[in-house]
Amino acid sequence: MADEGDVLTDLNPGAGANGADTAPTAGIISQYVKDLSVENPKAPESFQWNEAPELDVQFNIGANPVNDEVTEVELKISCTAKTAQGTAYIVELSYCGLVGMRNMPDDQKHMFSYAEAPRFLFPFARAVIADAVRNAGFAPLMLDPIDFQGLYIQQLQQRGEAGFSGEGSITGGEAN
């Protein structure tokens, strides 16, 4: 046990009177699968195909305010595997997180909603997709990591914005 002199007693020295919480804070409150669709349109023929499929992975990030301090951040990921014989599988996932943000300027809320929150949610969405593809009868699809902050900055530059518009979405894709 620590001596009394070694214990931190005032963790927020800038707090207002009567313990008012004025420091900026943000975090994930909850996360969940909002929608999941798995299609295996050519089964059982697709299990006989020897050709490696071409993968098309697309994603979109959206943010919907729930109230003044909570925003639902939605990470939509669509994965399609095709060969010359046809489509092997299609997986579409809408993975969401409730994000709490308090005492933050609007530009920081926007950045957190479209860059940081998706970065926190992505590993869980990646696992859901890997399991869905495996459960469809194929080798699990392990998506490559995504640089959400880099994409956020790129989208702002493409729109010619120094700041943000307040609403919108971030999209991207990769083909393997």
N, C-alpha and C. Protein backbone atom coordinates (compact mmCIF):
# COMPACT_ATOMS: atom_id res chain seq x y z
N MET A 1 0.83 -1.18 0.00
CA MET A 1 0.00 0.00 0.00
C MET A 1 0.88 1.24 0.00
N ALA A 2 0.50 2.26 -0.76
CA ALA A 2 1.29 3.47 -0.88
C ALA A 2 1.11 4.37 0.33
N ASP A 3 2.20 5.08 0.65
CA ASP A 3 2.11 6.06 1.72
C ASP A 3 1.20 7.19 1.29
N GLU A 4 0.64 7.89 2.25
CA GLU A 4 -0.31 8.95 1.93
C GLU A 4 0.31 10.01 1.02
N GLY A 5 1.60 10.29 1.18
CA GLY A 5 2.26 11.30 0.36
C GLY A 5 2.45 10.86 -1.09
N ASP A 6 2.36 9.55 -1.37
CA ASP A 6 2.55 9.03 -2.72
C ASP A 6 1.26 8.89 -3.51
N VAL A 7 0.13 9.16 -2.88
CA VAL A 7 -1.16 8.95 -3.53
C VAL A 7 -1.58 10.24 -4.24
N LEU A 8 -2.01 10.09 -5.50
CA LEU A 8 -2.53 11.25 -6.22
C LEU A 8 -3.92 11.56 -5.69
N THR A 9 -4.11 12.77 -5.24
CA THR A 9 -5.41 13.12 -4.69
C THR A 9 -6.21 14.01 -5.61
N ASP A 10 -5.54 14.77 -6.46
CA ASP A 10 -6.26 15.67 -7.35
C ASP A 10 -5.91 15.31 -8.79
N LEU A 11 -6.69 14.42 -9.39
CA LEU A 11 -6.41 13.95 -10.75
C LEU A 11 -6.80 14.96 -11.81
N ASN A 12 -7.63 15.94 -11.48
CA ASN A 12 -8.06 16.95 -12.43
C ASN A 12 -7.96 18.32 -11.77
N PRO A 13 -6.73 18.87 -11.67
CA PRO A 13 -6.57 20.14 -10.97
C PRO A 13 -7.27 21.31 -11.65
N GLY A 14 -7.61 21.19 -12.93
CA GLY A 14 -8.28 22.27 -13.65
C GLY A 14 -9.79 22.22 -13.55
N ALA A 15 -10.33 21.31 -12.75
CA ALA A 15 -11.78 21.17 -12.65
C ALA A 15 -12.38 22.42 -12.00
N GLY A 16 -13.60 22.72 -12.39
CA GLY A 16 -14.29 23.88 -11.84
C GLY A 16 -14.76 23.62 -10.42
N ALA A 17 -15.43 24.59 -9.89
CA ALA A 17 -15.94 24.50 -8.52
C ALA A 17 -16.92 23.34 -8.38
N ASN A 18 -16.99 22.80 -7.20
CA ASN A 18 -17.90 21.71 -6.88
C ASN A 18 -17.72 20.49 -7.80
N GLY A 19 -16.49 20.28 -8.27
CA GLY A 19 -16.21 19.11 -9.08
C GLY A 19 -16.75 19.17 -10.49
N ALA A 20 -17.02 20.36 -11.02
CA ALA A 20 -17.53 20.47 -12.38
C ALA A 20 -16.51 19.89 -13.35
N ASP A 21 -16.98 19.06 -14.26
CA ASP A 21 -16.11 18.40 -15.22
C ASP A 21 -16.07 19.23 -16.49
N THR A 22 -14.96 19.93 -16.72
CA THR A 22 -14.85 20.79 -17.89
C THR A 22 -13.76 20.33 -18.85
N ALA A 23 -13.06 19.24 -18.52
CA ALA A 23 -11.99 18.75 -19.38
C ALA A 23 -12.60 18.01 -20.58
N PRO A 24 -11.99 18.17 -21.77
CA PRO A 24 -12.47 17.43 -22.93
C PRO A 24 -12.29 15.92 -22.71
N THR A 25 -13.27 15.15 -23.10
CA THR A 25 -13.19 13.70 -22.96
C THR A 25 -13.98 13.02 -24.06
N ALA A 26 -13.50 11.85 -24.48
CA ALA A 26 -14.19 11.07 -25.51
C ALA A 26 -13.89 9.61 -25.28
N GLY A 27 -14.83 8.75 -25.63
CA GLY A 27 -14.61 7.32 -25.49
C GLY A 27 -15.77 6.52 -26.07
N ILE A 28 -15.50 5.23 -26.26
CA ILE A 28 -16.51 4.31 -26.77
C ILE A 28 -17.37 3.84 -25.60
N ILE A 29 -18.67 4.03 -25.71
CA ILE A 29 -19.61 3.60 -24.67
C ILE A 29 -20.03 2.16 -24.90
N SER A 30 -20.34 1.85 -26.15
CA SER A 30 -20.83 0.52 -26.51
C SER A 30 -20.55 0.29 -27.99
N GLN A 31 -20.47 -0.98 -28.39
CA GLN A 31 -20.32 -1.30 -29.80
C GLN A 31 -21.15 -2.52 -30.12
N TYR A 32 -21.59 -2.61 -31.40
CA TYR A 32 -22.53 -3.66 -31.75
C TYR A 32 -22.63 -3.84 -33.26
N VAL A 33 -23.07 -5.03 -33.66
CA VAL A 33 -23.39 -5.30 -35.05
C VAL A 33 -24.80 -4.77 -35.29
N LYS A 34 -24.93 -3.81 -36.20
CA LYS A 34 -26.24 -3.26 -36.52
C LYS A 34 -26.89 -4.06 -37.64
N ASP A 35 -26.08 -4.49 -38.62
CA ASP A 35 -26.61 -5.27 -39.72
C ASP A 35 -25.48 -6.12 -40.29
N LEU A 36 -25.79 -7.37 -40.60
CA LEU A 36 -24.81 -8.28 -41.19
C LEU A 36 -25.52 -9.12 -42.24
N SER A 37 -24.96 -9.13 -43.44
CA SER A 37 -25.51 -9.93 -44.53
C SER A 37 -24.39 -10.78 -45.11
N VAL A 38 -24.64 -12.08 -45.24
CA VAL A 38 -23.67 -12.99 -45.84
C VAL A 38 -24.37 -13.74 -46.96
N GLU A 39 -23.82 -13.65 -48.15
CA GLU A 39 -24.40 -14.36 -49.29
C GLU A 39 -23.35 -15.31 -49.85
N ASN A 40 -23.80 -16.50 -50.17
CA ASN A 40 -22.97 -17.53 -50.77
C ASN A 40 -23.75 -18.02 -52.00
N PRO A 41 -23.87 -17.16 -53.05
CA PRO A 41 -24.83 -17.40 -54.12
C PRO A 41 -24.56 -18.62 -55.00
N LYS A 42 -23.34 -19.07 -55.10
CA LYS A 42 -23.01 -20.18 -55.99
C LYS A 42 -22.70 -21.48 -55.24
N ALA A 43 -23.04 -21.54 -53.97
CA ALA A 43 -22.80 -22.78 -53.21
C ALA A 43 -23.75 -23.85 -53.73
N PRO A 44 -23.37 -25.05 -53.82
CA PRO A 44 -22.09 -25.64 -53.44
C PRO A 44 -21.04 -25.62 -54.55
N GLU A 45 -21.39 -25.14 -55.76
CA GLU A 45 -20.42 -25.13 -56.86
C GLU A 45 -19.16 -24.34 -56.52
N SER A 46 -19.32 -23.23 -55.79
CA SER A 46 -18.18 -22.37 -55.49
C SER A 46 -17.10 -23.08 -54.67
N PHE A 47 -17.45 -24.14 -53.96
CA PHE A 47 -16.47 -24.87 -53.17
C PHE A 47 -15.56 -25.73 -54.05
N GLN A 48 -15.93 -25.91 -55.31
CA GLN A 48 -15.13 -26.71 -56.24
C GLN A 48 -14.17 -25.84 -57.06
N TRP A 49 -14.32 -24.52 -57.01
CA TRP A 49 -13.50 -23.63 -57.81
C TRP A 49 -12.06 -23.64 -57.31
N ASN A 50 -11.10 -23.67 -58.23
CA ASN A 50 -9.68 -23.68 -57.88
C ASN A 50 -9.03 -22.31 -58.03
N GLU A 51 -9.68 -21.43 -58.74
CA GLU A 51 -9.13 -20.10 -59.01
C GLU A 51 -9.24 -19.22 -57.76
N ALA A 52 -8.17 -18.49 -57.48
CA ALA A 52 -8.19 -17.56 -56.35
C ALA A 52 -9.13 -16.41 -56.68
N PRO A 53 -10.02 -16.05 -55.76
CA PRO A 53 -10.97 -14.98 -56.06
C PRO A 53 -10.32 -13.60 -56.03
N GLU A 54 -10.90 -12.70 -56.79
CA GLU A 54 -10.52 -11.29 -56.73
C GLU A 54 -11.40 -10.64 -55.68
N LEU A 55 -10.78 -9.95 -54.74
CA LEU A 55 -11.52 -9.34 -53.65
C LEU A 55 -11.75 -7.86 -53.90
N ASP A 56 -12.94 -7.41 -53.62
CA ASP A 56 -13.28 -5.99 -53.67
C ASP A 56 -13.78 -5.63 -52.27
N VAL A 57 -13.06 -4.74 -51.61
CA VAL A 57 -13.43 -4.32 -50.25
C VAL A 57 -13.73 -2.82 -50.28
N GLN A 58 -14.91 -2.45 -49.84
CA GLN A 58 -15.33 -1.05 -49.77
C GLN A 58 -15.77 -0.74 -48.35
N PHE A 59 -15.55 0.48 -47.94
CA PHE A 59 -16.05 0.88 -46.62
C PHE A 59 -16.50 2.32 -46.63
N ASN A 60 -17.33 2.62 -45.65
CA ASN A 60 -17.92 3.94 -45.49
C ASN A 60 -18.07 4.20 -44.00
N ILE A 61 -17.81 5.41 -43.58
CA ILE A 61 -17.95 5.79 -42.18
C ILE A 61 -19.01 6.88 -42.09
N GLY A 62 -19.96 6.68 -41.20
CA GLY A 62 -20.99 7.68 -40.97
C GLY A 62 -21.11 7.98 -39.48
N ALA A 63 -21.61 9.14 -39.16
CA ALA A 63 -21.82 9.53 -37.77
C ALA A 63 -23.19 10.18 -37.63
N ASN A 64 -23.97 9.68 -36.69
CA ASN A 64 -25.31 10.20 -36.44
C ASN A 64 -25.43 10.60 -34.97
N PRO A 65 -25.67 11.88 -34.69
CA PRO A 65 -25.82 12.30 -33.29
C PRO A 65 -27.03 11.64 -32.64
N VAL A 66 -26.83 11.13 -31.44
CA VAL A 66 -27.92 10.57 -30.64
C VAL A 66 -28.45 11.64 -29.70
N ASN A 67 -27.53 12.38 -29.08
CA ASN A 67 -27.86 13.56 -28.28
C ASN A 67 -26.63 14.46 -28.25
N ASP A 68 -26.60 15.45 -27.38
CA ASP A 68 -25.49 16.42 -27.37
C ASP A 68 -24.14 15.78 -27.04
N GLU A 69 -24.16 14.67 -26.32
CA GLU A 69 -22.90 14.07 -25.88
C GLU A 69 -22.64 12.68 -26.45
N VAL A 70 -23.58 12.12 -27.19
CA VAL A 70 -23.42 10.76 -27.72
C VAL A 70 -23.68 10.75 -29.22
N THR A 71 -22.77 10.10 -29.96
CA THR A 71 -22.89 9.95 -31.41
C THR A 71 -22.75 8.49 -31.76
N GLU A 72 -23.60 8.02 -32.69
CA GLU A 72 -23.44 6.67 -33.21
C GLU A 72 -22.52 6.75 -34.42
N VAL A 73 -21.37 6.08 -34.33
CA VAL A 73 -20.43 6.01 -35.45
C VAL A 73 -20.64 4.66 -36.12
N GLU A 74 -20.88 4.69 -37.44
CA GLU A 74 -21.18 3.48 -38.19
C GLU A 74 -20.08 3.20 -39.20
N LEU A 75 -19.50 2.02 -39.10
CA LEU A 75 -18.47 1.56 -40.02
C LEU A 75 -19.11 0.49 -40.91
N LYS A 76 -19.33 0.85 -42.18
CA LYS A 76 -19.92 -0.10 -43.13
C LYS A 76 -18.80 -0.68 -43.99
N ILE A 77 -18.77 -2.01 -44.05
CA ILE A 77 -17.75 -2.70 -44.84
C ILE A 77 -18.45 -3.70 -45.75
N SER A 78 -18.08 -3.67 -47.02
CA SER A 78 -18.63 -4.60 -48.01
C SER A 78 -17.46 -5.35 -48.65
N CYS A 79 -17.52 -6.69 -48.63
CA CYS A 79 -16.48 -7.52 -49.21
C CYS A 79 -17.11 -8.46 -50.23
N THR A 80 -16.60 -8.44 -51.45
CA THR A 80 -17.09 -9.31 -52.51
C THR A 80 -15.93 -10.09 -53.09
N ALA A 81 -16.08 -11.42 -53.18
CA ALA A 81 -15.06 -12.30 -53.76
C ALA A 81 -15.62 -12.88 -55.06
N LYS A 82 -14.92 -12.59 -56.18
CA LYS A 82 -15.38 -13.06 -57.50
C LYS A 82 -14.27 -13.82 -58.21
N THR A 83 -14.68 -14.78 -59.01
CA THR A 83 -13.79 -15.47 -59.92
C THR A 83 -14.42 -15.42 -61.30
N ALA A 84 -13.75 -16.04 -62.29
CA ALA A 84 -14.32 -16.08 -63.64
C ALA A 84 -15.63 -16.87 -63.65
N GLN A 85 -15.78 -17.81 -62.71
CA GLN A 85 -16.99 -18.62 -62.66
C GLN A 85 -18.17 -17.91 -62.00
N GLY A 86 -17.89 -16.87 -61.25
CA GLY A 86 -18.96 -16.13 -60.61
C GLY A 86 -18.57 -15.60 -59.24
N THR A 87 -19.56 -15.14 -58.50
CA THR A 87 -19.34 -14.58 -57.17
C THR A 87 -19.30 -15.70 -56.15
N ALA A 88 -18.20 -15.77 -55.41
CA ALA A 88 -18.06 -16.79 -54.37
C ALA A 88 -18.84 -16.39 -53.12
N TYR A 89 -18.64 -15.13 -52.66
CA TYR A 89 -19.38 -14.66 -51.49
C TYR A 89 -19.44 -13.14 -51.46
N ILE A 90 -20.43 -12.67 -50.74
CA ILE A 90 -20.59 -11.24 -50.48
C ILE A 90 -20.89 -11.10 -48.99
N VAL A 91 -20.13 -10.26 -48.31
CA VAL A 91 -20.37 -9.98 -46.90
C VAL A 91 -20.53 -8.47 -46.76
N GLU A 92 -21.62 -8.05 -46.14
CA GLU A 92 -21.86 -6.63 -45.88
C GLU A 92 -22.12 -6.48 -44.38
N LEU A 93 -21.34 -5.61 -43.77
CA LEU A 93 -21.42 -5.42 -42.33
C LEU A 93 -21.62 -3.94 -42.00
N SER A 94 -22.52 -3.69 -41.09
CA SER A 94 -22.68 -2.36 -40.50
C SER A 94 -22.36 -2.53 -39.02
N TYR A 95 -21.17 -2.07 -38.62
CA TYR A 95 -20.71 -2.21 -37.25
C TYR A 95 -20.69 -0.81 -36.62
N CYS A 96 -21.34 -0.68 -35.47
CA CYS A 96 -21.51 0.65 -34.87
C CYS A 96 -20.92 0.72 -33.47
N GLY A 97 -20.66 1.94 -33.09
CA GLY A 97 -20.24 2.23 -31.73
C GLY A 97 -20.92 3.50 -31.26
N LEU A 98 -21.35 3.47 -30.01
CA LEU A 98 -21.84 4.70 -29.40
C LEU A 98 -20.64 5.39 -28.77
N VAL A 99 -20.42 6.62 -29.20
CA VAL A 99 -19.25 7.37 -28.78
C VAL A 99 -19.70 8.55 -27.92
N GLY A 100 -19.14 8.63 -26.73
CA GLY A 100 -19.43 9.76 -25.86
C GLY A 100 -18.36 10.82 -26.02
N MET A 101 -18.77 12.06 -26.23
CA MET A 101 -17.83 13.18 -26.36
C MET A 101 -18.38 14.36 -25.58
N ARG A 102 -17.55 14.89 -24.70
CA ARG A 102 -18.00 15.99 -23.84
C ARG A 102 -16.92 17.07 -23.79
N ASN A 103 -17.35 18.30 -23.80
CA ASN A 103 -16.46 19.46 -23.68
C ASN A 103 -15.40 19.51 -24.78
N MET A 104 -15.81 19.16 -25.99
CA MET A 104 -14.90 19.18 -27.14
C MET A 104 -15.42 20.16 -28.18
N PRO A 105 -14.53 20.89 -28.85
CA PRO A 105 -14.96 21.74 -29.96
C PRO A 105 -15.48 20.86 -31.10
N ASP A 106 -16.32 21.43 -31.95
CA ASP A 106 -16.95 20.68 -33.03
C ASP A 106 -15.93 20.05 -33.98
N ASP A 107 -14.82 20.74 -34.27
CA ASP A 107 -13.85 20.16 -35.19
C ASP A 107 -13.19 18.92 -34.58
N GLN A 108 -12.96 18.91 -33.27
CA GLN A 108 -12.39 17.73 -32.61
C GLN A 108 -13.41 16.60 -32.54
N LYS A 109 -14.68 16.94 -32.33
CA LYS A 109 -15.73 15.91 -32.34
C LYS A 109 -15.80 15.25 -33.72
N HIS A 110 -15.72 16.08 -34.77
CA HIS A 110 -15.78 15.56 -36.13
C HIS A 110 -14.60 14.62 -36.39
N MET A 111 -13.40 15.04 -36.03
CA MET A 111 -12.21 14.22 -36.24
C MET A 111 -12.31 12.92 -35.44
N PHE A 112 -12.77 12.99 -34.21
CA PHE A 112 -12.88 11.78 -33.40
C PHE A 112 -13.91 10.83 -34.01
N SER A 113 -15.02 11.37 -34.50
CA SER A 113 -16.09 10.55 -35.07
C SER A 113 -15.66 9.85 -36.36
N TYR A 114 -14.85 10.51 -37.18
CA TYR A 114 -14.50 9.97 -38.48
C TYR A 114 -13.09 9.39 -38.59
N ALA A 115 -12.25 9.56 -37.59
CA ALA A 115 -10.89 9.01 -37.65
C ALA A 115 -10.58 8.11 -36.46
N GLU A 116 -10.78 8.59 -35.26
CA GLU A 116 -10.40 7.82 -34.08
C GLU A 116 -11.40 6.71 -33.74
N ALA A 117 -12.68 7.02 -33.71
CA ALA A 117 -13.67 6.00 -33.36
C ALA A 117 -13.63 4.82 -34.35
N PRO A 118 -13.55 5.06 -35.67
CA PRO A 118 -13.44 3.91 -36.58
C PRO A 118 -12.18 3.08 -36.33
N ARG A 119 -11.10 3.74 -35.91
CA ARG A 119 -9.87 3.01 -35.61
C ARG A 119 -10.09 2.07 -34.43
N PHE A 120 -10.87 2.49 -33.45
CA PHE A 120 -11.19 1.63 -32.31
C PHE A 120 -12.13 0.49 -32.70
N LEU A 121 -13.08 0.78 -33.59
CA LEU A 121 -14.10 -0.20 -33.97
C LEU A 121 -13.59 -1.24 -34.97
N PHE A 122 -12.64 -0.85 -35.81
CA PHE A 122 -12.23 -1.70 -36.92
C PHE A 122 -11.77 -3.11 -36.51
N PRO A 123 -10.94 -3.29 -35.49
CA PRO A 123 -10.52 -4.66 -35.17
C PRO A 123 -11.69 -5.60 -34.86
N PHE A 124 -12.73 -5.08 -34.24
CA PHE A 124 -13.90 -5.90 -33.92
C PHE A 124 -14.72 -6.21 -35.18
N ALA A 125 -14.86 -5.20 -36.05
CA ALA A 125 -15.56 -5.41 -37.32
C ALA A 125 -14.78 -6.41 -38.18
N ARG A 126 -13.47 -6.31 -38.16
CA ARG A 126 -12.60 -7.24 -38.91
C ARG A 126 -12.83 -8.67 -38.46
N ALA A 127 -12.96 -8.87 -37.16
CA ALA A 127 -13.20 -10.22 -36.62
C ALA A 127 -14.57 -10.75 -37.03
N VAL A 128 -15.58 -9.88 -37.04
CA VAL A 128 -16.92 -10.29 -37.46
C VAL A 128 -16.90 -10.74 -38.91
N ILE A 129 -16.20 -9.99 -39.77
CA ILE A 129 -16.11 -10.35 -41.19
C ILE A 129 -15.35 -11.66 -41.37
N ALA A 130 -14.24 -11.83 -40.67
CA ALA A 130 -13.47 -13.08 -40.78
C ALA A 130 -14.33 -14.28 -40.38
N ASP A 131 -15.09 -14.14 -39.30
CA ASP A 131 -15.97 -15.23 -38.86
C ASP A 131 -17.09 -15.49 -39.87
N ALA A 132 -17.66 -14.43 -40.42
CA ALA A 132 -18.76 -14.58 -41.39
C ALA A 132 -18.28 -15.31 -42.64
N VAL A 133 -17.11 -14.96 -43.15
CA VAL A 133 -16.57 -15.61 -44.34
C VAL A 133 -16.25 -17.07 -44.02
N ARG A 134 -15.67 -17.32 -42.86
CA ARG A 134 -15.38 -18.69 -42.46
C ARG A 134 -16.67 -19.51 -42.32
N ASN A 135 -17.69 -18.91 -41.73
CA ASN A 135 -18.96 -19.61 -41.56
C ASN A 135 -19.68 -19.84 -42.89
N ALA A 136 -19.30 -19.08 -43.92
CA ALA A 136 -19.87 -19.30 -45.25
C ALA A 136 -19.15 -20.44 -45.98
N GLY A 137 -18.10 -20.98 -45.35
CA GLY A 137 -17.41 -22.12 -45.92
C GLY A 137 -16.09 -21.81 -46.60
N PHE A 138 -15.59 -20.60 -46.45
CA PHE A 138 -14.34 -20.19 -47.08
C PHE A 138 -13.29 -19.90 -46.01
N ALA A 139 -12.04 -19.73 -46.46
CA ALA A 139 -10.98 -19.34 -45.53
C ALA A 139 -11.31 -17.96 -44.98
N PRO A 140 -11.07 -17.73 -43.69
CA PRO A 140 -11.39 -16.42 -43.11
C PRO A 140 -10.70 -15.28 -43.87
N LEU A 141 -11.42 -14.20 -44.06
CA LEU A 141 -10.88 -13.02 -44.72
C LEU A 141 -10.32 -12.09 -43.64
N MET A 142 -9.01 -11.90 -43.66
CA MET A 142 -8.37 -11.00 -42.71
C MET A 142 -8.07 -9.68 -43.41
N LEU A 143 -8.87 -8.69 -43.14
CA LEU A 143 -8.71 -7.39 -43.78
C LEU A 143 -7.43 -6.72 -43.30
N ASP A 144 -6.77 -6.03 -44.21
CA ASP A 144 -5.57 -5.27 -43.84
C ASP A 144 -5.96 -4.09 -42.97
N PRO A 145 -5.07 -3.67 -42.08
CA PRO A 145 -5.35 -2.47 -41.27
C PRO A 145 -5.60 -1.25 -42.18
N ILE A 146 -6.40 -0.33 -41.67
CA ILE A 146 -6.76 0.87 -42.42
C ILE A 146 -6.28 2.09 -41.63
N ASP A 147 -5.65 3.03 -42.33
CA ASP A 147 -5.19 4.27 -41.72
C ASP A 147 -6.34 5.29 -41.77
N PHE A 148 -7.21 5.23 -40.77
CA PHE A 148 -8.39 6.10 -40.78
C PHE A 148 -8.02 7.57 -40.67
N GLN A 149 -6.99 7.89 -39.90
CA GLN A 149 -6.60 9.29 -39.77
C GLN A 149 -6.06 9.81 -41.11
N GLY A 150 -5.27 9.01 -41.80
CA GLY A 150 -4.77 9.41 -43.11
C GLY A 150 -5.90 9.61 -44.11
N LEU A 151 -6.88 8.70 -44.08
CA LEU A 151 -8.04 8.84 -44.96
C LEU A 151 -8.86 10.08 -44.63
N TYR A 152 -8.98 10.36 -43.34
CA TYR A 152 -9.73 11.55 -42.90
C TYR A 152 -9.07 12.81 -43.47
N ILE A 153 -7.77 12.89 -43.32
CA ILE A 153 -7.03 14.06 -43.82
C ILE A 153 -7.14 14.14 -45.34
N GLN A 154 -7.02 13.00 -46.01
CA GLN A 154 -7.13 12.96 -47.47
C GLN A 154 -8.51 13.43 -47.93
N GLN A 155 -9.57 12.98 -47.26
CA GLN A 155 -10.93 13.39 -47.63
C GLN A 155 -11.11 14.89 -47.43
N LEU A 156 -10.58 15.44 -46.34
CA LEU A 156 -10.69 16.88 -46.12
C LEU A 156 -9.95 17.65 -47.21
N GLN A 157 -8.77 17.18 -47.59
CA GLN A 157 -8.00 17.85 -48.64
C GLN A 157 -8.72 17.77 -49.99
N GLN A 158 -9.32 16.62 -50.29
CA GLN A 158 -10.05 16.48 -51.55
C GLN A 158 -11.25 17.41 -51.61
N ARG A 159 -11.84 17.65 -50.48
CA ARG A 159 -13.01 18.55 -50.43
C ARG A 159 -12.57 20.00 -50.35
N GLY A 160 -11.26 20.24 -50.24
CA GLY A 160 -10.75 21.60 -50.17
C GLY A 160 -11.10 22.30 -48.88
N GLU A 161 -11.18 21.53 -47.80
CA GLU A 161 -11.57 22.10 -46.52
C GLU A 161 -10.37 22.23 -45.61
N ALA A 162 -10.30 23.33 -44.93
CA ALA A 162 -9.29 23.47 -43.89
C ALA A 162 -9.82 22.88 -42.58
N GLY A 163 -11.11 22.87 -42.45
CA GLY A 163 -11.74 22.33 -41.25
C GLY A 163 -12.62 21.16 -41.58
N PHE A 164 -13.92 21.36 -41.40
CA PHE A 164 -14.87 20.28 -41.61
C PHE A 164 -16.21 20.86 -41.97
N SER A 165 -17.09 19.99 -42.43
CA SER A 165 -18.44 20.45 -42.78
C SER A 165 -19.45 20.15 -41.71
N GLY A 166 -19.06 19.36 -40.70
CA GLY A 166 -19.99 19.03 -39.62
C GLY A 166 -20.73 17.73 -39.84
N GLU A 167 -21.07 17.42 -41.05
CA GLU A 167 -21.80 16.19 -41.38
C GLU A 167 -21.07 15.51 -42.53
N GLY A 168 -21.49 14.31 -42.85
CA GLY A 168 -20.95 13.65 -44.00
C GLY A 168 -20.48 12.25 -43.71
N SER A 169 -19.62 11.75 -44.58
CA SER A 169 -19.10 10.40 -44.41
C SER A 169 -17.71 10.33 -45.03
N ILE A 170 -16.99 9.31 -44.65
CA ILE A 170 -15.68 9.04 -45.21
C ILE A 170 -15.80 7.69 -45.90
N THR A 171 -15.31 7.61 -47.14
CA THR A 171 -15.41 6.37 -47.88
C THR A 171 -14.04 5.95 -48.36
N GLY A 172 -13.92 4.70 -48.69
CA GLY A 172 -12.67 4.20 -49.22
C GLY A 172 -12.83 2.79 -49.70
N GLY A 173 -11.78 2.28 -50.26
CA GLY A 173 -11.85 0.90 -50.73
C GLY A 173 -10.48 0.39 -51.08
N GLU A 174 -10.41 -0.91 -51.22
CA GLU A 174 -9.17 -1.54 -51.63
C GLU A 174 -9.54 -2.75 -52.46
N ALA A 175 -8.72 -3.05 -53.41
CA ALA A 175 -8.92 -4.28 -54.20
C ALA A 175 -7.71 -5.15 -54.02
N ASN A 176 -7.93 -6.39 -53.69
CA ASN A 176 -6.80 -7.32 -53.50
C ASN A 176 -6.77 -8.32 -54.62
